Amino acid sequence: MILAADIGNTNIVIGLYQGNDLVQHWRVDSNADRTADDYGHLILYMLERAAGKAKVEGVIIGSVVPMLTYVFEKLSRRYFNVEAYVLDGLAEVGICYKVETPRNLIGADRIANALAVKELYRANCLVVDLGTATTFDLISGDGSYLGGVIAPGIRTCAESLIEKAAMLPKVEIEAPPNIIGKETKTMMQSGIFYGAISQIDGIVERIKKEWEACSRVIATGGFVNMVAKFSRQIDIVAPNLTLDGLRIAYDKLSHI
């Protein structure tokens, strides 16, 4: 079995693959203060509950947190006796970068998404990834990364609002029953939630005007199931797109 770790600023998503099939996945907090043993024991516990004595034969890491990249490389050696593959812009996985940003500075999650689009959809796609940031990435059917947009994520916006406004309470991020709130909590929820929907639809609409070749809009990330049904622009919901891209990257890197 192959273990894929998508390490973000807020969460780490860990997927267990048997061949091309995602057997199980988990979401845990991203904490640069945790050690290899902290995460190693946690992962072993989750694996035992999900797959018994299944042997992890390989590990692939996609990370935007350098300290945790090191932690997961260490735990791969210590707990699974394997050297982890690390996906970054310098990895030769068949993606062509048609942007001015140096390859080594492009986020691993965006590369994994591009690889998944190339291998699974084979069409010009716009990927909307709803994480700490909401990113919009243009991926051509032949695997060219054409650029995109980086915007504040839903939770990032909510936390910033609460931090900057002393009298506003912390609220759950969810769709309120009506757009017009009748008290502070629902007013905030409406602004945060529907503001995010409008951000997504508005940016996608503008991108389509510049990139007329776009054929599909694919949404992924932690908030995708909550948000997608309210969007007018999202065509495909793919919660595990990044994990699938990491699994594909493992196949390519392990056969070089």
C-alpha atoms as a PDB file:
ATOM      1  CA  MET A   1       0.000   0.000   0.000  1.00  0.00           C
ATOM      2  CA  ILE A   2       1.045   3.586  -0.637  1.00  0.00           C
ATOM      3  CA  LEU A   3       0.656   6.420   1.869  1.00  0.00           C
ATOM      4  CA  ALA A   4       0.096   9.905   0.442  1.00  0.00           C
ATOM      5  CA  ALA A   5       0.447  12.989   2.689  1.00  0.00           C
ATOM      6  CA  ASP A   6      -0.924  16.344   1.548  1.00  0.00           C
ATOM      7  CA  ILE A   7       0.567  18.752   4.101  1.00  0.00           C
ATOM      8  CA  GLY A   8      -1.081  22.163   4.200  1.00  0.00           C
ATOM      9  CA  ASN A   9      -0.870  25.144   6.509  1.00  0.00           C
ATOM     10  CA  THR A  10      -4.057  24.236   8.388  1.00  0.00           C
ATOM     11  CA  ASN A  11      -4.588  20.507   7.841  1.00  0.00           C
ATOM     12  CA  ILE A  12      -2.734  17.412   6.733  1.00  0.00           C
ATOM     13  CA  VAL A  13      -4.753  15.005   4.595  1.00  0.00           C
ATOM     14  CA  ILE A  14      -3.403  11.468   4.600  1.00  0.00           C
ATOM     15  CA  GLY A  15      -4.558   8.884   2.074  1.00  0.00           C
ATOM     16  CA  LEU A  16      -3.952   5.142   1.950  1.00  0.00           C
ATOM     17  CA  TYR A  17      -3.911   3.643  -1.557  1.00  0.00           C
ATOM     18  CA  GLN A  18      -4.151   0.062  -2.732  1.00  0.00           C
ATOM     19  CA  GLY A  19      -3.127   0.354  -6.350  1.00  0.00           C
ATOM     20  CA  ASN A  20      -5.211   3.178  -7.810  1.00  0.00           C
ATOM     21  CA  ASP A  21      -7.922   2.876  -5.168  1.00  0.00           C
ATOM     22  CA  LEU A  22      -8.147   5.180  -2.160  1.00  0.00           C
ATOM     23  CA  VAL A  23      -8.823   2.774   0.700  1.00  0.00           C
ATOM     24  CA  GLN A  24      -9.101   5.345   3.483  1.00  0.00           C
ATOM     25  CA  HIS A  25      -8.187   8.936   4.217  1.00  0.00           C
ATOM     26  CA  TRP A  26      -7.873  11.133   7.285  1.00  0.00           C
ATOM     27  CA  ARG A  27      -7.598  14.832   8.057  1.00  0.00           C
ATOM     28  CA  VAL A  28      -5.458  15.951  11.022  1.00  0.00           C
ATOM     29  CA  ASP A  29      -4.203  19.292  12.276  1.00  0.00           C
ATOM     30  CA  SER A  30      -1.064  20.709  10.718  1.00  0.00           C
ATOM     31  CA  ASN A  31       1.280  21.546  13.583  1.00  0.00           C
ATOM     32  CA  ALA A  32       4.971  22.263  12.964  1.00  0.00           C
ATOM     33  CA  ASP A  33       5.666  21.697  16.682  1.00  0.00           C
ATOM     34  CA  ARG A  34       4.753  18.012  16.456  1.00  0.00           C
ATOM     35  CA  THR A  35       7.553  15.500  16.098  1.00  0.00           C
ATOM     36  CA  ALA A  36       7.992  12.555  13.764  1.00  0.00           C
ATOM     37  CA  ASP A  37       7.006  10.294  16.656  1.00  0.00           C
ATOM     38  CA  ASP A  38       3.836  12.309  17.331  1.00  0.00           C
ATOM     39  CA  TYR A  39       2.631  11.914  13.773  1.00  0.00           C
ATOM     40  CA  GLY A  40       4.102   8.442  13.401  1.00  0.00           C
ATOM     41  CA  HIS A  41       2.130   7.000  16.326  1.00  0.00           C
ATOM     42  CA  LEU A  42      -1.035   8.744  15.142  1.00  0.00           C
ATOM     43  CA  ILE A  43      -0.692   7.381  11.605  1.00  0.00           C
ATOM     44  CA  LEU A  44       0.043   3.856  12.847  1.00  0.00           C
ATOM     45  CA  TYR A  45      -3.091   3.985  15.001  1.00  0.00           C
ATOM     46  CA  MET A  46      -5.231   5.124  12.067  1.00  0.00           C
ATOM     47  CA  LEU A  47      -3.722   2.518   9.759  1.00  0.00           C
ATOM     48  CA  GLU A  48      -4.323  -0.298  12.218  1.00  0.00           C
ATOM     49  CA  ARG A  49      -7.981   0.643  12.589  1.00  0.00           C
ATOM     50  CA  ALA A  50      -8.460   0.978   8.818  1.00  0.00           C
ATOM     51  CA  ALA A  51      -6.369  -1.809   7.350  1.00  0.00           C
ATOM     52  CA  GLY A  52      -5.122  -4.043  10.142  1.00  0.00           C
ATOM     53  CA  LYS A  53      -1.602  -5.276   9.468  1.00  0.00           C
ATOM     54  CA  ALA A  54      -1.411  -3.852   5.927  1.00  0.00           C
ATOM     55  CA  LYS A  55       2.168  -3.001   4.986  1.00  0.00           C
ATOM     56  CA  VAL A  56       3.021   0.497   3.746  1.00  0.00           C
ATOM     57  CA  GLU A  57       5.459  -0.007   0.891  1.00  0.00           C
ATOM     58  CA  GLY A  58       5.886   3.594  -0.183  1.00  0.00           C
ATOM     59  CA  VAL A  59       5.250   7.192   0.891  1.00  0.00           C
ATOM     60  CA  ILE A  60       4.697  10.321  -1.192  1.00  0.00           C
ATOM     61  CA  ILE A  61       4.707  13.787   0.379  1.00  0.00           C
ATOM     62  CA  GLY A  62       3.297  17.005  -1.011  1.00  0.00           C
ATOM     63  CA  SER A  63       3.933  19.832   1.412  1.00  0.00           C
ATOM     64  CA  VAL A  64       3.769  23.612   1.695  1.00  0.00           C
ATOM     65  CA  VAL A  65       5.203  23.505   5.241  1.00  0.00           C
ATOM     66  CA  PRO A  66       8.980  22.822   4.986  1.00  0.00           C
ATOM     67  CA  MET A  67       9.371  21.865   8.649  1.00  0.00           C
ATOM     68  CA  LEU A  68       6.682  19.203   8.328  1.00  0.00           C
ATOM     69  CA  THR A  69       8.224  17.908   5.108  1.00  0.00           C
ATOM     70  CA  TYR A  70      11.283  17.006   7.179  1.00  0.00           C
ATOM     71  CA  VAL A  71       9.096  15.487   9.926  1.00  0.00           C
ATOM     72  CA  PHE A  72       7.252  13.223   7.468  1.00  0.00           C
ATOM     73  CA  GLU A  73      10.456  12.179   5.711  1.00  0.00           C
ATOM     74  CA  LYS A  74      11.826  11.167   9.102  1.00  0.00           C
ATOM     75  CA  LEU A  75       8.728   9.228  10.151  1.00  0.00           C
ATOM     76  CA  SER A  76       8.693   7.411   6.787  1.00  0.00           C
ATOM     77  CA  ARG A  77      12.164   6.060   7.495  1.00  0.00           C
ATOM     78  CA  ARG A  78      11.507   5.329  11.162  1.00  0.00           C
ATOM     79  CA  TYR A  79       8.037   3.764  10.988  1.00  0.00           C
ATOM     80  CA  PHE A  80       7.828   2.312   7.473  1.00  0.00           C
ATOM     81  CA  ASN A  81      11.496   1.778   6.624  1.00  0.00           C
ATOM     82  CA  VAL A  82      11.104   3.578   3.281  1.00  0.00           C
ATOM     83  CA  GLU A  83      12.556   6.735   1.801  1.00  0.00           C
ATOM     84  CA  ALA A  84       9.660   9.053   0.995  1.00  0.00           C
ATOM     85  CA  TYR A  85       9.281  10.714  -2.379  1.00  0.00           C
ATOM     86  CA  VAL A  86       8.677  14.467  -2.169  1.00  0.00           C
ATOM     87  CA  LEU A  87       6.643  16.192  -4.855  1.00  0.00           C
ATOM     88  CA  ASP A  88       7.780  19.704  -5.690  1.00  0.00           C
ATOM     89  CA  GLY A  89       8.328  21.839  -8.766  1.00  0.00           C
ATOM     90  CA  LEU A  90      11.678  20.193  -9.474  1.00  0.00           C
ATOM     91  CA  ALA A  91      10.225  16.670  -9.597  1.00  0.00           C
ATOM     92  CA  GLU A  92       9.973  15.331 -13.139  1.00  0.00           C
ATOM     93  CA  VAL A  93       6.373  14.168 -13.330  1.00  0.00           C
ATOM     94  CA  GLY A  94       5.354  15.456 -16.756  1.00  0.00           C
ATOM     95  CA  ILE A  95       4.005  18.916 -15.890  1.00  0.00           C
ATOM     96  CA  CYS A  96       5.075  21.852 -18.066  1.00  0.00           C
ATOM     97  CA  TYR A  97       5.217  25.159 -16.178  1.00  0.00           C
ATOM     98  CA  LYS A  98       4.219  28.116 -18.353  1.00  0.00           C
ATOM     99  CA  VAL A  99       4.486  30.714 -15.589  1.00  0.00           C
ATOM    100  CA  GLU A 100       7.108  33.205 -14.427  1.00  0.00           C
ATOM    101  CA  THR A 101       7.263  31.882 -10.864  1.00  0.00           C
ATOM    102  CA  PRO A 102      10.305  29.600 -10.379  1.00  0.00           C
ATOM    103  CA  ARG A 103       9.292  25.940 -10.398  1.00  0.00           C
ATOM    104  CA  ASN A 104      10.646  25.357  -6.897  1.00  0.00           C
ATOM    105  CA  LEU A 105       8.254  27.980  -5.478  1.00  0.00           C
ATOM    106  CA  ILE A 106       5.046  26.470  -6.863  1.00  0.00           C
ATOM    107  CA  GLY A 107       3.007  24.717  -4.158  1.00  0.00           C
ATOM    108  CA  ALA A 108       3.025  20.932  -4.152  1.00  0.00           C
ATOM    109  CA  ASP A 109      -0.760  20.848  -3.848  1.00  0.00           C
ATOM    110  CA  ARG A 110      -1.114  22.815  -7.075  1.00  0.00           C
ATOM    111  CA  ILE A 111       1.324  20.492  -8.850  1.00  0.00           C
ATOM    112  CA  ALA A 112      -0.562  17.432  -7.604  1.00  0.00           C
ATOM    113  CA  ASN A 113      -3.837  18.918  -8.822  1.00  0.00           C
ATOM    114  CA  ALA A 114      -2.313  19.633 -12.227  1.00  0.00           C
ATOM    115  CA  LEU A 115      -1.043  16.069 -12.474  1.00  0.00           C
ATOM    116  CA  ALA A 116      -4.438  14.636 -11.527  1.00  0.00           C
ATOM    117  CA  VAL A 117      -6.132  16.783 -14.196  1.00  0.00           C
ATOM    118  CA  LYS A 118      -3.642  15.655 -16.831  1.00  0.00           C
ATOM    119  CA  GLU A 119      -3.988  11.959 -16.064  1.00  0.00           C
ATOM    120  CA  LEU A 120      -7.652  11.693 -15.054  1.00  0.00           C
ATOM    121  CA  TYR A 121      -9.502  14.337 -17.072  1.00  0.00           C
ATOM    122  CA  ARG A 122      -7.289  15.069 -20.100  1.00  0.00           C
ATOM    123  CA  ALA A 123      -9.064  18.355 -20.770  1.00  0.00           C
ATOM    124  CA  ASN A 124      -8.532  22.066 -20.168  1.00  0.00           C
ATOM    125  CA  CYS A 125      -9.641  22.478 -16.569  1.00  0.00           C
ATOM    126  CA  LEU A 126      -9.800  25.204 -13.969  1.00  0.00           C
ATOM    127  CA  VAL A 127      -9.150  23.766 -10.497  1.00  0.00           C
ATOM    128  CA  VAL A 128     -10.605  25.608  -7.504  1.00  0.00           C
ATOM    129  CA  ASP A 129      -8.927  24.418  -4.305  1.00  0.00           C
ATOM    130  CA  LEU A 130     -10.661  25.508  -1.095  1.00  0.00           C
ATOM    131  CA  GLY A 131      -8.051  25.495   1.652  1.00  0.00           C
ATOM    132  CA  THR A 132      -6.235  28.058   3.809  1.00  0.00           C
ATOM    133  CA  ALA A 133      -6.122  29.999   0.550  1.00  0.00           C
ATOM    134  CA  THR A 134      -8.626  29.544  -2.239  1.00  0.00           C
ATOM    135  CA  THR A 135      -6.584  28.917  -5.359  1.00  0.00           C
ATOM    136  CA  PHE A 136      -7.676  28.896  -8.985  1.00  0.00           C
ATOM    137  CA  ASP A 137      -5.317  27.029 -11.325  1.00  0.00           C
ATOM    138  CA  LEU A 138      -5.476  26.741 -15.100  1.00  0.00           C
ATOM    139  CA  ILE A 139      -4.378  23.317 -16.333  1.00  0.00           C
ATOM    140  CA  SER A 140      -4.360  22.369 -20.007  1.00  0.00           C
ATOM    141  CA  GLY A 141      -5.265  18.880 -21.138  1.00  0.00           C
ATOM    142  CA  ASP A 142      -1.640  18.127 -22.026  1.00  0.00           C
ATOM    143  CA  GLY A 143      -0.464  18.920 -18.493  1.00  0.00           C
ATOM    144  CA  SER A 144       0.670  22.524 -18.795  1.00  0.00           C
ATOM    145  CA  TYR A 145       0.292  24.705 -15.719  1.00  0.00           C
ATOM    146  CA  LEU A 146      -0.792  28.082 -17.093  1.00  0.00           C
ATOM    147  CA  GLY A 147      -1.108  30.194 -13.940  1.00  0.00           C
ATOM    148  CA  GLY A 148      -4.035  31.223 -11.811  1.00  0.00           C
ATOM    149  CA  VAL A 149      -5.279  33.204  -8.849  1.00  0.00           C
ATOM    150  CA  ILE A 150      -4.614  33.060  -5.093  1.00  0.00           C
ATOM    151  CA  ALA A 151      -7.315  34.461  -2.811  1.00  0.00           C
ATOM    152  CA  PRO A 152      -7.936  34.292   0.961  1.00  0.00           C
ATOM    153  CA  GLY A 153      -9.654  31.091   2.022  1.00  0.00           C
ATOM    154  CA  ILE A 154     -13.025  30.906   3.748  1.00  0.00           C
ATOM    155  CA  ARG A 155     -11.681  30.239   7.235  1.00  0.00           C
ATOM    156  CA  THR A 156      -8.873  32.744   6.740  1.00  0.00           C
ATOM    157  CA  CYS A 157     -11.411  35.467   5.960  1.00  0.00           C
ATOM    158  CA  ALA A 158     -13.581  34.493   8.921  1.00  0.00           C
ATOM    159  CA  GLU A 159     -10.682  34.488  11.383  1.00  0.00           C
ATOM    160  CA  SER A 160      -9.408  37.818  10.097  1.00  0.00           C
ATOM    161  CA  LEU A 161     -12.847  39.383  10.522  1.00  0.00           C
ATOM    162  CA  ILE A 162     -13.153  38.140  14.097  1.00  0.00           C
ATOM    163  CA  GLU A 163      -9.606  39.199  14.968  1.00  0.00           C
ATOM    164  CA  LYS A 164     -10.019  42.736  13.638  1.00  0.00           C
ATOM    165  CA  ALA A 165     -13.507  43.415  15.001  1.00  0.00           C
ATOM    166  CA  ALA A 166     -13.515  43.300  18.795  1.00  0.00           C
ATOM    167  CA  MET A 167     -17.271  42.898  19.253  1.00  0.00           C
ATOM    168  CA  LEU A 168     -17.834  40.133  16.696  1.00  0.00           C
ATOM    169  CA  PRO A 169     -18.093  36.580  18.073  1.00  0.00           C
ATOM    170  CA  LYS A 170     -16.581  33.405  16.677  1.00  0.00           C
ATOM    171  CA  VAL A 171     -19.125  31.566  14.511  1.00  0.00           C
ATOM    172  CA  GLU A 172     -19.336  28.244  12.725  1.00  0.00           C
ATOM    173  CA  ILE A 173     -18.785  28.452   8.977  1.00  0.00           C
ATOM    174  CA  GLU A 174     -22.026  27.244   7.445  1.00  0.00           C
ATOM    175  CA  ALA A 175     -24.820  28.383   5.175  1.00  0.00           C
ATOM    176  CA  PRO A 176     -27.469  30.288   7.156  1.00  0.00           C
ATOM    177  CA  PRO A 177     -31.130  29.664   6.259  1.00  0.00           C
ATOM    178  CA  ASN A 178     -31.502  33.115   4.650  1.00  0.00           C
ATOM    179  CA  ILE A 179     -29.148  35.623   3.070  1.00  0.00           C
ATOM    180  CA  ILE A 180     -30.521  38.384   5.336  1.00  0.00           C
ATOM    181  CA  GLY A 181     -29.498  37.751   8.928  1.00  0.00           C
ATOM    182  CA  LYS A 182     -31.618  38.821  11.888  1.00  0.00           C
ATOM    183  CA  GLU A 183     -28.878  38.723  14.519  1.00  0.00           C
ATOM    184  CA  THR A 184     -25.107  39.063  14.583  1.00  0.00           C
ATOM    185  CA  LYS A 185     -24.330  35.358  14.238  1.00  0.00           C
ATOM    186  CA  THR A 186     -26.401  34.770  11.102  1.00  0.00           C
ATOM    187  CA  MET A 187     -25.347  38.101   9.617  1.00  0.00           C
ATOM    188  CA  MET A 188     -21.724  37.021   9.941  1.00  0.00           C
ATOM    189  CA  GLN A 189     -22.387  33.531   8.616  1.00  0.00           C
ATOM    190  CA  SER A 190     -24.166  34.983   5.618  1.00  0.00           C
ATOM    191  CA  GLY A 191     -21.351  37.384   4.829  1.00  0.00           C
ATOM    192  CA  ILE A 192     -18.616  34.770   5.267  1.00  0.00           C
ATOM    193  CA  PHE A 193     -20.354  31.949   3.423  1.00  0.00           C
ATOM    194  CA  TYR A 194     -22.071  33.762   0.567  1.00  0.00           C
ATOM    195  CA  GLY A 195     -19.110  36.086   0.258  1.00  0.00           C
ATOM    196  CA  ALA A 196     -16.981  32.996  -0.445  1.00  0.00           C
ATOM    197  CA  ILE A 197     -19.487  31.707  -3.011  1.00  0.00           C
ATOM    198  CA  SER A 198     -19.531  35.068  -4.773  1.00  0.00           C
ATOM    199  CA  GLN A 199     -15.724  35.156  -4.707  1.00  0.00           C
ATOM    200  CA  ILE A 200     -15.536  31.765  -6.379  1.00  0.00           C
ATOM    201  CA  ASP A 201     -18.183  32.407  -9.013  1.00  0.00           C
ATOM    202  CA  GLY A 202     -16.950  35.914  -9.749  1.00  0.00           C
ATOM    203  CA  ILE A 203     -13.314  34.915 -10.207  1.00  0.00           C
ATOM    204  CA  VAL A 204     -14.200  31.847 -12.286  1.00  0.00           C
ATOM    205  CA  GLU A 205     -16.403  33.964 -14.539  1.00  0.00           C
ATOM    206  CA  ARG A 206     -13.595  36.458 -15.103  1.00  0.00           C
ATOM    207  CA  ILE A 207     -11.062  33.689 -15.764  1.00  0.00           C
ATOM    208  CA  LYS A 208     -13.336  32.143 -18.381  1.00  0.00           C
ATOM    209  CA  LYS A 209     -13.451  35.462 -20.221  1.00  0.00           C
ATOM    210  CA  GLU A 210      -9.647  35.453 -20.456  1.00  0.00           C
ATOM    211  CA  TRP A 211      -9.234  31.716 -20.972  1.00  0.00           C
ATOM    212  CA  GLU A 212     -11.989  30.723 -23.356  1.00  0.00           C
ATOM    213  CA  ALA A 213     -10.526  27.225 -23.779  1.00  0.00           C
ATOM    214  CA  CYS A 214     -11.672  26.215 -20.274  1.00  0.00           C
ATOM    215  CA  SER A 215     -13.937  23.166 -20.532  1.00  0.00           C
ATOM    216  CA  ARG A 216     -14.518  22.195 -16.896  1.00  0.00           C
ATOM    217  CA  VAL A 217     -14.312  23.705 -13.433  1.00  0.00           C
ATOM    218  CA  ILE A 218     -13.205  21.177 -10.817  1.00  0.00           C
ATOM    219  CA  ALA A 219     -13.466  21.964  -7.106  1.00  0.00           C
ATOM    220  CA  THR A 220     -11.490  20.299  -4.324  1.00  0.00           C
ATOM    221  CA  GLY A 221     -10.277  21.045  -0.790  1.00  0.00           C
ATOM    222  CA  GLY A 222     -11.626  20.958   2.720  1.00  0.00           C
ATOM    223  CA  PHE A 223     -14.711  23.115   2.172  1.00  0.00           C
ATOM    224  CA  VAL A 224     -15.708  21.711  -1.213  1.00  0.00           C
ATOM    225  CA  ASN A 225     -18.720  19.637  -0.145  1.00  0.00           C
ATOM    226  CA  MET A 226     -20.165  22.554   1.798  1.00  0.00           C
ATOM    227  CA  VAL A 227     -19.672  25.133  -0.931  1.00  0.00           C
ATOM    228  CA  ALA A 228     -20.059  23.383  -4.301  1.00  0.00           C
ATOM    229  CA  LYS A 229     -23.845  22.983  -4.312  1.00  0.00           C
ATOM    230  CA  PHE A 230     -24.291  26.748  -3.936  1.00  0.00           C
ATOM    231  CA  SER A 231     -21.945  27.650  -6.797  1.00  0.00           C
ATOM    232  CA  ARG A 232     -23.131  28.367 -10.330  1.00  0.00           C
ATOM    233  CA  GLN A 233     -19.695  27.737 -11.836  1.00  0.00           C
ATOM    234  CA  ILE A 234     -18.430  24.452 -10.377  1.00  0.00           C
ATOM    235  CA  ASP A 235     -18.914  21.463 -12.705  1.00  0.00           C
ATOM    236  CA  ILE A 236     -17.140  18.633 -10.868  1.00  0.00           C
ATOM    237  CA  VAL A 237     -16.609  18.025  -7.163  1.00  0.00           C
ATOM    238  CA  ALA A 238     -13.408  16.037  -6.547  1.00  0.00           C
ATOM    239  CA  PRO A 239     -12.599  16.075  -2.805  1.00  0.00           C
ATOM    240  CA  ASN A 240      -9.583  13.781  -3.224  1.00  0.00           C
ATOM    241  CA  LEU A 241      -8.054  15.390  -6.311  1.00  0.00           C
ATOM    242  CA  THR A 242      -4.817  16.351  -4.547  1.00  0.00           C
ATOM    243  CA  LEU A 243      -4.359  12.902  -2.999  1.00  0.00           C
ATOM    244  CA  ASP A 244      -4.983  11.311  -6.391  1.00  0.00           C
ATOM    245  CA  GLY A 245      -2.351  13.589  -7.901  1.00  0.00           C
ATOM    246  CA  LEU A 246       0.130  12.548  -5.218  1.00  0.00           C
ATOM    247  CA  ARG A 247      -0.582   8.877  -5.887  1.00  0.00           C
ATOM    248  CA  ILE A 248       0.038   9.445  -9.608  1.00  0.00           C
ATOM    249  CA  ALA A 249       3.249  11.312  -8.765  1.00  0.00           C
ATOM    250  CA  TYR A 250       4.413   8.349  -6.690  1.00  0.00           C
ATOM    251  CA  ASP A 251       3.889   6.017  -9.643  1.00  0.00           C
ATOM    252  CA  LYS A 252       5.956   8.275 -11.889  1.00  0.00           C
ATOM    253  CA  LEU A 253       8.776   8.981  -9.428  1.00  0.00           C
ATOM    254  CA  SER A 254       9.114   5.373  -8.295  1.00  0.00           C
ATOM    255  CA  HIS A 255       9.592   4.204 -11.889  1.00  0.00           C
ATOM    256  CA  ILE A 256      12.233   6.737 -12.908  1.00  0.00           C
END
